[in-house]
Amino acid sequence: LAARLRQYDAALDWLSKSLDLNPLDVEVYNSMGMVNLQRKDLLGARQCFSAALALAPHNAIAKSGLAKAIPPDENSSGSRVGDGVPAVSPAG
């Protein structure tokens, strides 16, 4: 809901708290990736979608989100680095 209201920082805070409870929740990483896309934080989005794919390599949402987070020109300076990007260490 917070993301729909463009309260991106609040959305990332809540999603981060959710990861504290369940650090292997692929859907939370996908949601964080989508919020970061909305914020135009392409690096953050890539990190979140990559974390989701590390946990679920065939996840269609993460694959699609990752594709959207890779700009046509990797040398562009249009992305900004945000905070609230979790580090993932998949169980293994």
Protein backbone atom coordinates (compact mmCIF):
# COMPACT_ATOMS: atom_id res chain seq x y z
CA LEU A 1 0.00 0.00 0.00
CA ALA A 2 2.78 2.43 0.87
CA ALA A 3 4.35 1.94 -2.56
CA ARG A 4 1.03 2.71 -4.25
CA LEU A 5 0.89 5.97 -2.32
CA ARG A 6 4.44 6.76 -3.46
CA GLN A 7 5.75 6.42 0.07
CA TYR A 8 8.71 4.44 -1.17
CA ASP A 9 10.94 4.84 1.88
CA ALA A 10 8.15 3.65 4.15
CA ALA A 11 7.49 0.69 1.86
CA LEU A 12 11.17 -0.29 1.92
CA ASP A 13 11.24 0.03 5.71
CA TRP A 14 8.28 -2.33 6.10
CA LEU A 15 9.65 -4.78 3.57
CA SER A 16 13.02 -4.75 5.30
CA LYS A 17 11.32 -5.56 8.60
CA SER A 18 9.57 -8.43 6.87
CA LEU A 19 12.94 -9.76 5.71
CA ASP A 20 14.14 -9.64 9.31
CA LEU A 21 11.40 -12.13 10.11
CA ASN A 22 11.92 -14.29 7.03
CA PRO A 23 15.17 -13.58 5.14
CA LEU A 24 14.36 -16.20 2.51
CA ASP A 25 11.08 -14.65 1.32
CA VAL A 26 11.40 -14.31 -2.45
CA GLU A 27 8.25 -12.22 -2.73
CA VAL A 28 9.63 -9.60 -0.36
CA TYR A 29 12.78 -9.29 -2.47
CA ASN A 30 10.57 -8.95 -5.57
CA SER A 31 8.49 -6.27 -3.86
CA MET A 32 11.60 -4.38 -2.82
CA GLY A 33 12.85 -4.61 -6.39
CA MET A 34 9.59 -3.16 -7.70
CA VAL A 35 9.72 -0.31 -5.18
CA ASN A 36 13.28 0.43 -6.19
CA LEU A 37 12.23 0.48 -9.86
CA GLN A 38 9.57 3.05 -8.97
CA ARG A 39 12.25 5.10 -7.18
CA LYS A 40 14.43 4.81 -10.29
CA ASP A 41 17.08 3.11 -8.14
CA LEU A 42 18.19 0.64 -10.78
CA LEU A 43 21.13 -0.68 -8.78
CA GLY A 44 18.90 -1.35 -5.78
CA ALA A 45 16.32 -3.03 -8.01
CA ARG A 46 18.97 -5.25 -9.60
CA GLN A 47 20.27 -6.27 -6.19
CA CYS A 48 16.81 -7.18 -4.94
CA PHE A 49 15.80 -9.12 -8.04
CA SER A 50 19.17 -10.88 -8.06
CA ALA A 51 18.61 -11.87 -4.42
CA ALA A 52 15.21 -13.27 -5.37
CA LEU A 53 16.75 -15.24 -8.22
CA ALA A 54 19.46 -16.60 -5.94
CA LEU A 55 16.67 -18.10 -3.84
CA ALA A 56 14.33 -19.07 -6.70
CA PRO A 57 16.23 -19.23 -10.02
CA HIS A 58 13.08 -19.73 -12.13
CA ASN A 59 11.00 -16.94 -10.56
CA ALA A 60 9.34 -15.13 -13.47
CA ILE A 61 8.69 -11.91 -11.54
CA ALA A 62 12.35 -11.61 -10.55
CA LYS A 63 13.51 -12.34 -14.10
CA SER A 64 11.17 -9.74 -15.54
CA GLY A 65 12.07 -7.17 -12.90
CA LEU A 66 15.78 -7.72 -13.43
CA ALA A 67 15.34 -7.16 -17.16
CA LYS A 68 13.59 -3.84 -16.44
CA ALA A 69 16.38 -2.82 -14.05
CA ILE A 70 19.10 -3.17 -16.67
CA PRO A 71 19.22 0.03 -18.71
CA PRO A 72 19.84 -0.21 -22.46
CA ASP A 73 23.09 1.68 -21.94
CA GLU A 74 24.91 0.48 -18.83
CA ASN A 75 27.08 3.58 -18.99
CA SER A 76 24.15 5.92 -18.43
CA SER A 77 24.16 7.90 -15.23
CA GLY A 78 20.38 7.87 -14.82
CA SER A 79 20.28 5.45 -11.93
CA ARG A 80 20.83 6.46 -8.35
CA VAL A 81 21.95 4.33 -5.49
CA GLY A 82 19.51 4.14 -2.63
CA ASP A 83 19.57 2.58 0.77
CA GLY A 84 17.45 -0.22 2.09
CA VAL A 85 18.89 -2.84 -0.22
CA PRO A 86 19.31 -6.08 1.69
CA ALA A 87 22.18 -8.46 1.40
CA VAL A 88 21.05 -12.02 0.82
CA SER A 89 22.76 -15.18 1.84
CA PRO A 90 20.71 -18.08 0.53
CA ALA A 91 20.41 -21.14 2.68
CA GLY A 92 22.51 -23.88 1.37
